C-alpha cells in the first residue's frame, strides 16, 4: 500500500473512532501530569484518539528509517556494481590502475575473484549483456582481434596499452599510406616500424624501402622478408649490404646455409660465389654456406684450397664429403652440411 493511502485510511479511522467514542460518552477526563501541579482535561473521545496518533507517528518514523536503510543499501549496491563494471573494463583493456574495493562483502569477493583472472574476448559473440558501454567495448575488441582497425579513444586505453599497439599494427596492415607515415615519425616503436616496413615490402614499394633501410632495426624475420625480395628479383642489394644485414640480425650457420640454398635459384653462379665469399670473409659463421656454394658448383679445387687454411681437425664433414668424392662415391651434399 502506498504511504499516502495509509495516511488517508488512518485519518478516516481516527475521525470515526473519535466520533464513535464521543457518541457513547461525551464526558471528559482529567490527567494529572506526574511531578507537577498541572493537569490536562480532555473529552474521553480525544484520549482514545491520542494513543492512535502517537502510534501513527512512531510508525511513520519507523517507515522513514526503513526506507532510508533500503535507500542506503540500494545506493551501495549500485556503487559496487559500477565498480565491478569499471574493473571488468579495465581488465579487458589491460589497464594497470589501482583496484577500487566494493563495500558490500559479496561484491568484494567477486571483485577479488575477477582480479585473479585474465579476461579475453571469445569468437562469435551472439548475446549482449545490456550494459551498453561494455557491450560496445567487447564488440570493438572482437573486431580488433580479427585484424580490423577500430576507434578506442572513447575508452582511453593509454598509449602503452597492448590494444593500442595492436590497433596500430592493424592500421598498418590495412593502410599503405599509414605504414609510410609510421616510418617517417620517430614516435612509433621498433615493432610498428618493422611491420610498416614489411607492409611496404609486400606492396613492392622498392623506392620507399630503400629510403628507410637505415631507420629500421632489423630482426631475422624482417631480414628474411627483405632477402625474399632479392630472391624474387624485386630489389637489388650489394654484397656488402647483404653482409651487413646478416651480421646485424646475428645470422647463425644454419641461417647462412638456408640463405645459400634460396639464392641458388636467383643468382648467377659467379654472383652467388662472390656473395658468399664476401659473407664468409666478414663472418666465420657463413663459412659452411660458402663451402656449400663451392661444392654445389663443383668448384672442388677452390674448396680444397680454402679447406687447407684450416687445421685438420676442423670442418670434418666437408673433408669427409671431399674424400668420398675423390674415391668416386657420390652422396647428397646436404647430408654433410645440414644438421
Protein backbone atom coordinates (compact mmCIF):
# COMPACT_ATOMS: atom_id res chain seq x y z
CA UNK A 1 0.00 0.00 0.00
CA UNK A 2 1.22 3.47 -0.86
CA UNK A 3 2.06 5.65 2.11
CA UNK A 4 -0.44 8.38 1.18
CA UNK A 5 -3.26 5.81 1.16
CA UNK A 6 -2.09 4.59 4.56
CA UNK A 7 -2.27 8.17 5.92
CA UNK A 8 -5.72 8.70 4.43
CA UNK A 9 -7.06 5.45 5.88
CA UNK A 10 -5.58 6.25 9.29
CA UNK A 11 -7.11 9.74 9.24
CA UNK A 12 -10.56 8.30 8.47
CA UNK A 13 -10.09 5.68 11.20
CA UNK A 14 -9.15 8.35 13.81
CA UNK A 15 -12.16 10.51 12.90
CA UNK A 16 -14.57 7.57 13.03
CA UNK A 17 -13.06 6.30 16.30
CA UNK A 18 -13.35 9.74 17.91
CA UNK A 19 -16.95 10.19 16.78
CA UNK A 20 -17.92 6.70 17.91
CA UNK A 21 -16.43 7.10 21.40
CA UNK A 22 -17.91 10.60 21.71
CA UNK A 23 -21.34 9.19 20.80
CA UNK A 24 -21.02 6.70 23.66
CA UNK A 25 -19.83 9.22 26.22
CA UNK A 26 -19.33 12.94 25.96
CA UNK A 27 -17.71 13.10 29.40
CA UNK A 28 -14.25 14.49 29.99
CA UNK A 29 -11.24 13.03 31.77
CA UNK A 30 -8.58 14.94 33.71
CA UNK A 31 -4.99 13.70 33.56
CA UNK A 32 -2.59 14.86 36.29
CA UNK A 33 0.91 15.41 34.88
CA UNK A 34 3.41 13.46 37.03
CA UNK A 35 5.70 15.53 39.31
CA UNK A 36 3.66 18.64 38.51
CA UNK A 37 0.59 20.51 39.75
CA UNK A 38 -0.64 20.89 36.18
CA UNK A 39 -3.43 18.80 34.71
CA UNK A 40 -4.98 18.24 31.28
CA UNK A 41 -8.74 17.87 30.86
CA UNK A 42 -9.99 16.49 27.51
CA UNK A 43 -13.03 14.62 26.31
CA UNK A 44 -12.77 10.85 26.64
CA UNK A 45 -13.01 10.54 22.84
CA UNK A 46 -9.78 12.57 22.46
CA UNK A 47 -7.99 10.38 24.99
CA UNK A 48 -8.91 7.38 22.87
CA UNK A 49 -7.59 9.02 19.70
CA UNK A 50 -4.26 10.29 21.19
CA UNK A 51 -2.60 6.80 21.55
CA UNK A 52 -3.59 6.03 17.96
CA UNK A 53 -1.95 9.28 16.78
CA UNK A 54 1.20 8.52 18.83
CA UNK A 55 1.32 5.02 17.38
CA UNK A 56 0.91 6.51 13.91
CA UNK A 57 3.82 8.91 14.50
CA UNK A 58 6.04 6.02 15.69
CA UNK A 59 5.10 4.01 12.60
CA UNK A 60 5.98 6.99 10.39
CA UNK A 61 9.44 7.26 11.94
CA UNK A 62 9.99 3.53 11.61
CA UNK A 63 8.85 3.65 7.98
CA UNK A 64 11.15 6.59 7.21
CA UNK A 65 14.06 4.81 8.94
CA UNK A 66 13.40 1.60 6.99
CA UNK A 67 13.12 3.48 3.71
CA UNK A 68 16.39 5.29 4.44
CA UNK A 69 18.16 1.98 5.18
CA UNK A 70 16.83 0.47 1.94
CA UNK A 71 17.93 3.55 0.00
CA UNK A 72 21.42 3.31 1.52
CA UNK A 73 21.58 -0.39 0.66
CA UNK A 74 20.44 0.17 -2.92
CA UNK A 75 22.96 3.02 -3.27
CA UNK A 76 25.78 0.76 -2.07
CA UNK A 77 24.73 -1.99 -4.48
CA UNK A 78 24.64 0.46 -7.38
CA UNK A 79 28.02 1.88 -6.36
CA UNK A 80 29.60 -1.58 -6.05
CA UNK A 81 28.04 -2.74 -9.31
CA UNK A 82 29.52 0.30 -11.05
CA UNK A 83 32.94 -0.52 -9.54
CA UNK A 84 32.69 -4.09 -10.88
CA UNK A 85 31.81 -2.82 -14.36
CA UNK A 86 34.81 -0.46 -14.26
CA UNK A 87 37.02 -3.33 -13.09
CA UNK A 88 35.87 -5.56 -15.96
CA UNK A 89 36.51 -2.74 -18.44
CA UNK A 90 40.00 -2.09 -17.03
CA UNK A 91 40.86 -5.80 -17.09
CA UNK A 92 39.62 -6.16 -20.66
CA UNK A 93 41.83 -3.21 -21.67
CA UNK A 94 44.75 -4.50 -19.54
CA UNK A 95 44.85 -1.18 -17.70
CA UNK A 96 47.20 -1.11 -14.74
CA UNK A 97 45.11 1.03 -12.39
CA UNK A 98 44.55 0.81 -8.61
CA UNK A 99 41.73 -1.59 -7.80
CA UNK A 100 38.72 0.03 -6.11
CA UNK A 101 37.20 -2.12 -3.37
CA UNK A 102 33.40 -2.58 -3.25
CA UNK A 103 31.78 -2.01 0.12
CA UNK A 104 29.41 -5.00 0.10
CA UNK A 105 31.00 -8.32 1.11
CA UNK A 106 29.54 -10.30 -1.82
CA UNK A 107 30.70 -7.80 -4.40
CA UNK A 108 34.08 -7.53 -2.65
CA UNK A 109 34.57 -11.31 -3.00
CA UNK A 110 33.51 -11.17 -6.65
CA UNK A 111 35.95 -8.29 -7.26
CA UNK A 112 38.83 -10.30 -5.78
CA UNK A 113 37.93 -13.32 -7.94
CA UNK A 114 37.84 -11.16 -11.08
CA UNK A 115 41.17 -9.59 -10.14
CA UNK A 116 42.79 -13.02 -10.18
CA UNK A 117 41.58 -13.78 -13.73
CA UNK A 118 42.77 -12.75 -17.18
CA UNK A 119 39.82 -11.74 -19.35
CA UNK A 120 39.71 -12.31 -23.10
CA UNK A 121 37.23 -11.93 -25.94
CA UNK A 122 35.80 -15.13 -27.41
CA UNK A 123 34.98 -15.57 -31.07
CA UNK A 124 31.42 -15.27 -32.33
CA UNK A 125 29.72 -13.13 -29.68
CA UNK A 126 25.95 -13.63 -30.07
CA UNK A 127 24.39 -12.20 -26.90
CA UNK A 128 24.70 -8.77 -25.32
CA UNK A 129 24.60 -8.06 -21.61
CA UNK A 130 22.56 -4.87 -21.80
CA UNK A 131 25.46 -2.85 -20.38
CA UNK A 132 25.88 -0.57 -23.38
CA UNK A 133 29.43 0.61 -22.70
CA UNK A 134 30.83 -2.86 -22.02
CA UNK A 135 28.95 -4.40 -24.94
CA UNK A 136 30.44 -1.75 -27.23
CA UNK A 137 33.93 -2.37 -25.84
CA UNK A 138 33.64 -6.14 -26.27
CA UNK A 139 32.48 -5.67 -29.87
CA UNK A 140 35.38 -3.32 -30.62
CA UNK A 141 37.95 -5.66 -29.06
CA UNK A 142 36.48 -8.55 -31.05
CA UNK A 143 36.92 -6.55 -34.26
CA UNK A 144 40.44 -5.62 -33.17
CA UNK A 145 41.26 -9.26 -32.53
CA UNK A 146 40.08 -10.12 -36.06
CA UNK A 147 42.60 -7.65 -37.51
CA UNK A 148 40.38 -4.60 -38.03
CA UNK A 149 41.34 -1.03 -37.15
CA UNK A 150 38.92 0.40 -34.55
CA UNK A 151 38.47 3.66 -32.65
CA UNK A 152 39.31 3.10 -28.97
CA UNK A 153 39.63 6.76 -27.92
CA UNK A 154 36.31 6.64 -26.06
CA UNK A 155 37.74 4.05 -23.65
CA UNK A 156 41.11 5.77 -23.18
CA UNK A 157 43.24 2.59 -23.06
CA UNK A 158 46.52 4.54 -22.82
CA UNK A 159 49.36 4.87 -25.30
CA UNK A 160 51.23 1.88 -23.84
CA UNK A 161 48.24 -0.44 -23.94
CA UNK A 162 48.79 -3.66 -25.95
CA UNK A 163 45.46 -2.94 -27.64
CA UNK A 164 46.72 0.41 -28.91
CA UNK A 165 49.81 -1.33 -30.27
CA UNK A 166 47.66 -3.98 -31.93
CA UNK A 167 45.39 -1.29 -33.34
CA UNK A 168 48.40 0.47 -34.88
CA UNK A 169 49.56 -2.83 -36.41
CA UNK A 170 46.05 -3.44 -37.81
CA UNK A 171 46.03 0.01 -39.39
CA UNK A 172 49.49 -0.62 -40.86
CA UNK A 173 48.32 -3.89 -42.41
CA UNK A 174 45.28 -2.22 -43.97
CA UNK A 175 46.69 1.17 -44.99
CA UNK A 176 49.87 1.55 -47.05
CA UNK A 177 49.94 5.34 -46.59
CA UNK A 178 49.77 4.99 -42.83
CA UNK A 179 52.65 2.48 -42.96
CA UNK A 180 54.74 5.16 -44.69
CA UNK A 181 53.78 7.70 -42.02
CA UNK A 182 54.88 5.29 -39.28
CA UNK A 183 58.32 5.00 -40.89
CA UNK A 184 58.64 8.78 -41.12
CA UNK A 185 57.85 9.50 -37.45
CA UNK A 186 60.15 8.74 -34.53
CA UNK A 187 57.25 8.42 -32.07
CA UNK A 188 56.43 4.85 -33.13
CA UNK A 189 58.22 1.87 -31.59
CA UNK A 190 60.52 -0.57 -33.38
CA UNK A 191 57.85 -3.27 -33.73
CA UNK A 192 55.48 -0.87 -35.50
CA UNK A 193 58.27 0.36 -37.78
CA UNK A 194 59.23 -3.21 -38.72
CA UNK A 195 55.61 -4.07 -39.53
CA UNK A 196 55.30 -0.89 -41.59
CA UNK A 197 58.49 -1.76 -43.46
CA UNK A 198 57.20 -5.29 -44.06
CA UNK A 199 53.93 -3.84 -45.41
CA UNK A 200 55.85 -1.76 -47.96
CA UNK A 201 57.95 -4.80 -48.85
CA UNK A 202 54.82 -6.81 -49.59
CA UNK A 203 53.44 -3.92 -51.65
CA UNK A 204 56.63 -3.81 -53.72
CA UNK A 205 57.44 -0.19 -52.86
CA UNK A 206 61.15 -0.62 -53.63
CA UNK A 207 61.95 3.11 -53.85
CA UNK A 208 60.33 3.81 -50.49
CA UNK A 209 62.01 0.73 -49.00
CA UNK A 210 65.49 1.98 -49.89
CA UNK A 211 64.70 5.31 -48.25
CA UNK A 212 64.00 3.80 -44.83
CA UNK A 213 66.51 0.94 -44.61
CA UNK A 214 68.80 2.94 -42.31
CA UNK A 215 65.89 3.79 -39.98
CA UNK A 216 64.90 0.20 -39.20
CA UNK A 217 66.29 -2.09 -36.53
CA UNK A 218 66.05 -5.42 -38.34
CA UNK A 219 65.32 -8.80 -36.80
CA UNK A 220 65.63 -12.19 -38.52
CA UNK A 221 62.03 -12.29 -39.70
CA UNK A 222 62.28 -8.89 -41.36
CA UNK A 223 65.72 -9.71 -42.77
CA UNK A 224 64.26 -12.86 -44.32
CA UNK A 225 61.42 -10.79 -45.79
CA UNK A 226 63.95 -8.33 -47.17
CA UNK A 227 66.14 -11.02 -48.68
CA UNK A 228 62.99 -12.59 -50.08
CA UNK A 229 62.74 -9.52 -52.28
CA UNK A 230 66.19 -10.44 -53.58
CA UNK A 231 65.01 -13.97 -54.29
CA UNK A 232 62.17 -12.57 -56.36
CA UNK A 233 64.47 -10.07 -58.08
CA UNK A 234 62.28 -7.19 -56.89
CA UNK A 235 65.09 -5.31 -55.19
CA UNK A 236 68.86 -5.26 -55.57
CA UNK A 237 71.35 -5.19 -52.71
CA UNK A 238 75.11 -5.11 -52.88
CA UNK A 239 77.12 -7.91 -51.28
CA UNK A 240 78.22 -5.54 -48.53
CA UNK A 241 74.60 -4.54 -47.81
CA UNK A 242 73.54 -8.18 -47.52
CA UNK A 243 76.55 -8.96 -45.32
CA UNK A 244 75.76 -6.01 -43.06
CA UNK A 245 72.12 -7.09 -42.79
CA UNK A 246 73.00 -10.69 -41.90
CA UNK A 247 75.53 -9.56 -39.28
CA UNK A 248 73.05 -7.10 -37.75
CA UNK A 249 70.40 -9.77 -37.13
CA UNK A 250 73.03 -12.31 -35.99
CA UNK A 251 72.60 -14.99 -38.62
CA UNK A 252 73.65 -18.48 -37.46
CA UNK A 253 75.43 -21.15 -39.53
CA UNK A 254 72.06 -22.67 -40.36
CA UNK A 255 70.66 -19.29 -41.42
CA UNK A 256 73.55 -18.69 -43.80
CA UNK A 257 73.23 -22.20 -45.21
CA UNK A 258 69.48 -21.80 -45.82
CA UNK A 259 70.21 -18.43 -47.42
CA UNK A 260 72.70 -20.01 -49.80
CA UNK A 261 70.11 -22.59 -50.84
CA UNK A 262 67.45 -19.95 -51.50
CA UNK A 263 69.76 -17.70 -53.51
CA UNK A 264 70.85 -20.61 -55.67
CA UNK A 265 67.77 -20.20 -57.88
CA UNK A 266 68.01 -16.46 -58.47
CA UNK A 267 71.77 -15.71 -58.60
CA UNK A 268 74.15 -16.34 -61.44
CA UNK A 269 76.93 -18.76 -60.35
CA UNK A 270 79.63 -16.06 -60.34
CA UNK A 271 77.47 -13.66 -58.30
CA UNK A 272 76.46 -16.49 -55.97
CA UNK A 273 80.11 -17.38 -55.26
CA UNK A 274 81.09 -13.73 -54.88
CA UNK A 275 78.35 -13.02 -52.36
CA UNK A 276 79.15 -15.95 -50.07
CA UNK A 277 82.89 -15.41 -50.31
CA UNK A 278 82.19 -11.88 -49.08
CA UNK A 279 79.91 -13.19 -46.31
CA UNK A 280 82.47 -15.81 -45.18
CA UNK A 281 85.26 -13.23 -45.09
CA UNK A 282 83.16 -10.96 -42.87
CA UNK A 283 81.54 -13.60 -40.64
CA UNK A 284 83.07 -17.03 -39.95
CA UNK A 285 79.57 -18.41 -39.33
CA UNK A 286 78.99 -18.14 -43.11
CA UNK A 287 81.96 -20.43 -43.87
CA UNK A 288 79.90 -23.61 -44.21
CA UNK A 289 77.48 -21.81 -46.53
CA UNK A 290 80.42 -20.73 -48.69
CA UNK A 291 81.66 -24.34 -48.90
CA UNK A 292 78.14 -25.38 -49.87
CA UNK A 293 78.22 -22.93 -52.78
CA UNK A 294 81.67 -24.07 -53.94
CA UNK A 295 80.83 -27.77 -53.74
CA UNK A 296 77.39 -27.33 -55.31
CA UNK A 297 79.09 -25.65 -58.29
CA UNK A 298 81.72 -28.44 -58.41
CA UNK A 299 84.49 -25.92 -57.64
CA UNK A 300 86.46 -28.68 -55.91
CA UNK A 301 89.92 -27.14 -56.25
CA UNK A 302 88.76 -23.84 -54.77
CA UNK A 303 87.07 -25.70 -51.90
CA UNK A 304 90.20 -27.75 -51.15
CA UNK A 305 92.40 -24.66 -51.32
CA UNK A 306 90.24 -22.86 -48.76
CA UNK A 307 89.98 -26.00 -46.63
CA UNK A 308 93.78 -26.18 -46.41
CA UNK A 309 93.78 -22.90 -44.50
CA UNK A 310 92.04 -24.67 -41.58
CA UNK A 311 93.50 -27.19 -39.12
CA UNK A 312 92.95 -30.87 -39.94
CA UNK A 313 90.53 -31.33 -37.03
CA UNK A 314 88.11 -28.66 -38.28
CA UNK A 315 85.35 -28.84 -40.92
CA UNK A 316 85.40 -32.64 -40.75
CA UNK A 317 82.09 -33.03 -42.61
CA UNK A 318 83.42 -31.08 -45.58
CA UNK A 319 86.62 -33.18 -45.54
CA UNK A 320 84.57 -36.39 -45.41
CA UNK A 321 82.50 -35.30 -48.41
CA UNK A 322 85.62 -34.48 -50.44
CA UNK A 323 87.29 -37.77 -49.50
CA UNK A 324 84.23 -39.73 -50.60
CA UNK A 325 84.05 -37.74 -53.80
CA UNK A 326 87.75 -38.43 -54.53
CA UNK A 327 87.06 -42.14 -54.09
CA UNK A 328 84.33 -41.97 -56.70
CA UNK A 329 81.36 -42.08 -54.31
CA UNK A 330 78.65 -39.50 -54.59
CA UNK A 331 76.24 -38.52 -51.83
CA UNK A 332 73.83 -35.59 -51.49
CA UNK A 333 75.80 -32.59 -50.28
CA UNK A 334 73.07 -31.63 -47.80
CA UNK A 335 73.75 -34.79 -45.75
CA UNK A 336 77.14 -33.43 -44.79
CA UNK A 337 76.28 -29.79 -44.20
CA UNK A 338 72.75 -29.71 -42.84
CA UNK A 339 72.27 -30.81 -39.22
